[in-house]
Amino acid sequence: MQTKSIVICGVGGQGILLASDILADVCLESGYDVKKSEVHGMSQRGGDVISTVRYGEKVYSPIIGENSADIILALEKLEALRNLPYLKSDGKLIVNDYRWDPLPVASGLDSYPENIIEVLKSNVKDVHIVNGAKMAKEAGNLRTMNVVLLGVLSLFLDFPKEIWIKVMEKRIPSKYLEMNLVAFEKGRNLKI
């Protein structure tokens, strides 16, 4: 099997690191070699966060260069735009249609681009726009957006649903597990 490369990006507080940990564990449970990397310097202040997961028969590095990601899973649409250079020309882009104003925008020093979804669609052939906030609220908590998006991602990866559930049962505290399992199902049930 050829090594697969996935970028998960968003802003601090969205659960990017948990999502990448779950994905990496699913890959391991499925018998693959996995390497994971993350950058989260300003994540506690709502800054950008990126995590990379690479899996295959033998993976030598977690680093994903430009034009080499098979999939980008973006939990925030501006972060999808920022990380677009990583995507292969035939790659898949899964975008949460969610806006989180970065500090320069929130402080009035800059403006948030209004046409992000259109720009993404005009630059990528295989784009899937997800209303993760709506589905997460339906699951019981907005903070489950990351797991909703993992549910969508799972539709494009060849891992059994049972492995995803097994890993989530290990990774997610029991008091939050049920709502996250509901969120995961909402993502998996999305008509793509």
Protein backbone atom coordinates (compact mmCIF):
# COMPACT_ATOMS: atom_id res chain seq x y z
CA MET A 1 0.00 0.00 0.00
CA GLN A 2 1.21 3.47 -0.87
CA THR A 3 1.59 5.80 2.12
CA LYS A 4 -1.44 8.05 2.67
CA SER A 5 -1.05 11.58 4.02
CA ILE A 6 -3.77 13.51 5.84
CA VAL A 7 -3.70 17.08 7.17
CA ILE A 8 -6.10 18.05 9.95
CA CYS A 9 -6.28 21.79 10.54
CA GLY A 10 -8.30 24.37 12.41
CA VAL A 11 -7.94 26.66 15.38
CA GLY A 12 -7.08 26.09 19.02
CA GLY A 13 -9.96 24.71 21.03
CA GLN A 14 -11.56 22.77 18.16
CA GLY A 15 -10.09 19.39 19.12
CA ILE A 16 -7.60 19.04 16.27
CA LEU A 17 -5.13 17.09 18.40
CA LEU A 18 -7.78 14.67 19.68
CA ALA A 19 -9.01 14.13 16.12
CA SER A 20 -5.49 13.36 14.89
CA ASP A 21 -4.84 11.07 17.87
CA ILE A 22 -8.02 9.13 17.07
CA LEU A 23 -7.10 8.88 13.38
CA ALA A 24 -3.54 7.73 14.19
CA ASP A 25 -4.85 5.09 16.61
CA VAL A 26 -7.37 3.84 14.03
CA CYS A 27 -4.50 3.43 11.55
CA LEU A 28 -2.41 1.55 14.14
CA GLU A 29 -5.34 -0.70 15.11
CA SER A 30 -5.71 -1.49 11.40
CA GLY A 31 -2.12 -2.74 11.23
CA TYR A 32 -0.39 0.23 9.57
CA ASP A 33 2.80 2.03 10.44
CA VAL A 34 1.85 5.60 11.46
CA LYS A 35 3.70 8.86 11.97
CA LYS A 36 2.00 11.95 13.39
CA SER A 37 3.14 15.53 13.78
CA GLU A 38 1.49 18.65 15.14
CA VAL A 39 2.07 22.37 15.38
CA HIS A 40 0.04 24.17 18.00
CA GLY A 41 2.03 27.12 19.29
CA MET A 42 -0.83 29.59 19.79
CA SER A 43 -3.58 27.00 19.99
CA GLN A 44 -4.89 28.05 23.41
CA ARG A 45 -5.56 31.55 22.08
CA GLY A 46 -7.55 30.44 19.04
CA GLY A 47 -4.48 30.39 16.81
CA ASP A 48 -4.03 27.98 13.93
CA VAL A 49 -3.35 24.32 14.64
CA ILE A 50 -2.21 21.73 12.12
CA SER A 51 -1.64 18.03 12.61
CA THR A 52 -0.41 15.58 10.02
CA VAL A 53 -1.02 11.84 9.97
CA ARG A 54 0.76 9.54 7.53
CA TYR A 55 0.09 5.81 7.38
CA GLY A 56 1.13 2.86 5.23
CA GLU A 57 3.25 -0.29 5.22
CA LYS A 58 6.33 1.67 6.35
CA VAL A 59 6.32 5.41 7.02
CA TYR A 60 9.62 7.18 7.54
CA SER A 61 8.50 10.73 8.36
CA PRO A 62 5.39 12.57 9.58
CA ILE A 63 6.21 15.57 7.41
CA ILE A 64 3.80 16.40 4.59
CA GLY A 65 5.19 18.76 1.97
CA GLU A 66 3.35 20.96 -0.45
CA ASN A 67 1.21 19.12 -3.02
CA SER A 68 1.42 15.82 -1.14
CA ALA A 69 -1.64 15.50 1.14
CA ASP A 70 -4.25 13.01 -0.03
CA ILE A 71 -6.88 14.63 2.21
CA ILE A 72 -7.18 17.87 4.11
CA LEU A 73 -9.75 17.85 6.91
CA ALA A 74 -10.36 21.47 7.90
CA LEU A 75 -12.43 22.31 10.96
CA GLU A 76 -12.48 26.00 10.02
CA LYS A 77 -12.82 27.38 6.49
CA LEU A 78 -10.06 30.03 6.60
CA GLU A 79 -7.66 27.32 7.83
CA ALA A 80 -8.70 25.22 4.82
CA LEU A 81 -7.64 28.09 2.58
CA ARG A 82 -4.34 28.58 4.44
CA ASN A 83 -3.43 24.91 4.21
CA LEU A 84 -4.56 24.37 0.61
CA PRO A 85 -0.95 24.30 -0.71
CA TYR A 86 -0.47 20.92 1.01
CA LEU A 87 -3.20 19.22 -1.06
CA LYS A 88 -2.33 17.06 -4.06
CA SER A 89 -3.91 18.12 -7.33
CA ASP A 90 -6.21 15.08 -7.12
CA GLY A 91 -6.65 15.33 -3.34
CA LYS A 92 -9.85 15.55 -1.36
CA LEU A 93 -10.82 18.58 0.75
CA ILE A 94 -13.32 18.23 3.59
CA VAL A 95 -14.25 21.64 5.01
CA ASN A 96 -16.33 22.57 8.01
CA ASP A 97 -18.29 25.64 6.94
CA TYR A 98 -17.46 27.35 10.21
CA ARG A 99 -15.97 30.77 10.85
CA TRP A 100 -13.64 31.55 13.73
CA ASP A 101 -12.19 35.06 13.54
CA PRO A 102 -8.42 35.11 14.00
CA LEU A 103 -7.02 37.74 16.38
CA PRO A 104 -6.27 40.37 13.67
CA VAL A 105 -9.90 40.13 12.49
CA ALA A 106 -11.36 40.06 16.00
CA SER A 107 -9.34 43.15 16.93
CA GLY A 108 -10.41 45.04 13.79
CA LEU A 109 -6.97 45.10 12.19
CA ASP A 110 -7.94 42.87 9.28
CA SER A 111 -11.05 41.53 7.58
CA TYR A 112 -12.22 37.96 7.14
CA PRO A 113 -12.42 36.86 3.48
CA GLU A 114 -16.08 36.47 2.55
CA ASN A 115 -15.74 34.15 -0.45
CA ILE A 116 -13.65 31.32 1.01
CA ILE A 117 -15.96 28.46 0.01
CA GLU A 118 -16.14 29.72 -3.58
CA VAL A 119 -12.33 30.06 -3.75
CA LEU A 120 -11.89 26.53 -2.40
CA LYS A 121 -14.39 25.11 -4.89
CA SER A 122 -12.71 26.90 -7.78
CA ASN A 123 -9.27 25.52 -6.83
CA VAL A 124 -10.10 21.95 -5.80
CA LYS A 125 -12.05 19.38 -7.83
CA ASP A 126 -13.07 17.18 -4.88
CA VAL A 127 -14.50 19.44 -2.14
CA HIS A 128 -17.00 18.45 0.54
CA ILE A 129 -18.55 21.27 2.58
CA VAL A 130 -19.96 20.21 5.95
CA ASN A 131 -22.15 22.10 8.40
CA GLY A 132 -20.36 20.59 11.38
CA ALA A 133 -21.70 23.12 13.88
CA LYS A 134 -25.32 22.19 13.11
CA MET A 135 -24.63 18.46 13.38
CA ALA A 136 -22.58 18.89 16.56
CA LYS A 137 -25.40 20.87 18.21
CA GLU A 138 -27.83 18.11 17.17
CA ALA A 139 -25.47 15.61 18.83
CA GLY A 140 -25.70 17.62 22.05
CA ASN A 141 -22.59 19.82 22.13
CA LEU A 142 -20.86 22.20 19.71
CA ARG A 143 -17.51 20.85 20.94
CA THR A 144 -18.15 17.58 19.10
CA MET A 145 -17.56 19.25 15.70
CA ASN A 146 -14.19 17.52 15.47
CA VAL A 147 -15.81 14.10 15.82
CA VAL A 148 -18.56 15.00 13.33
CA LEU A 149 -15.78 15.79 10.83
CA LEU A 150 -14.00 12.52 11.70
CA GLY A 151 -17.25 10.76 10.84
CA VAL A 152 -17.20 12.42 7.42
CA LEU A 153 -13.50 11.58 6.98
CA SER A 154 -14.23 7.93 7.83
CA LEU A 155 -16.40 7.70 4.70
CA PHE A 156 -13.28 8.16 2.57
CA LEU A 157 -10.95 5.82 4.47
CA ASP A 158 -11.06 2.05 4.34
CA PHE A 159 -11.26 1.38 8.09
CA PRO A 160 -14.16 -0.52 9.67
CA LYS A 161 -16.57 1.54 11.76
CA GLU A 162 -15.95 -0.83 14.69
CA ILE A 163 -12.29 0.23 14.88
CA TRP A 164 -13.25 3.91 14.98
CA ILE A 165 -15.68 3.20 17.83
CA LYS A 166 -13.14 1.07 19.72
CA VAL A 167 -10.55 3.87 19.53
CA MET A 168 -13.06 6.55 20.58
CA GLU A 169 -14.07 4.42 23.56
CA LYS A 170 -10.41 4.46 24.65
CA ARG A 171 -9.66 8.10 23.83
CA ILE A 172 -12.81 9.97 24.90
CA PRO A 173 -13.75 10.24 28.61
CA SER A 174 -16.82 8.13 29.37
CA LYS A 175 -19.00 11.09 30.39
CA TYR A 176 -18.56 12.57 26.86
CA LEU A 177 -18.50 9.32 24.90
CA GLU A 178 -22.19 8.96 24.02
CA MET A 179 -22.57 12.44 22.51
CA ASN A 180 -19.33 11.94 20.55
CA LEU A 181 -20.56 8.61 19.18
CA VAL A 182 -23.77 10.37 18.09
CA ALA A 183 -21.65 13.13 16.48
CA PHE A 184 -19.54 10.53 14.67
CA GLU A 185 -22.68 8.86 13.29
CA LYS A 186 -24.05 12.22 12.12
CA GLY A 187 -20.85 12.72 10.12
CA ARG A 188 -20.95 9.17 8.73
CA ASN A 189 -24.58 9.62 7.69
CA LEU A 190 -23.85 12.71 5.65
CA LYS A 191 -24.84 12.19 2.02
CA ILE A 192 -21.65 12.77 0.05
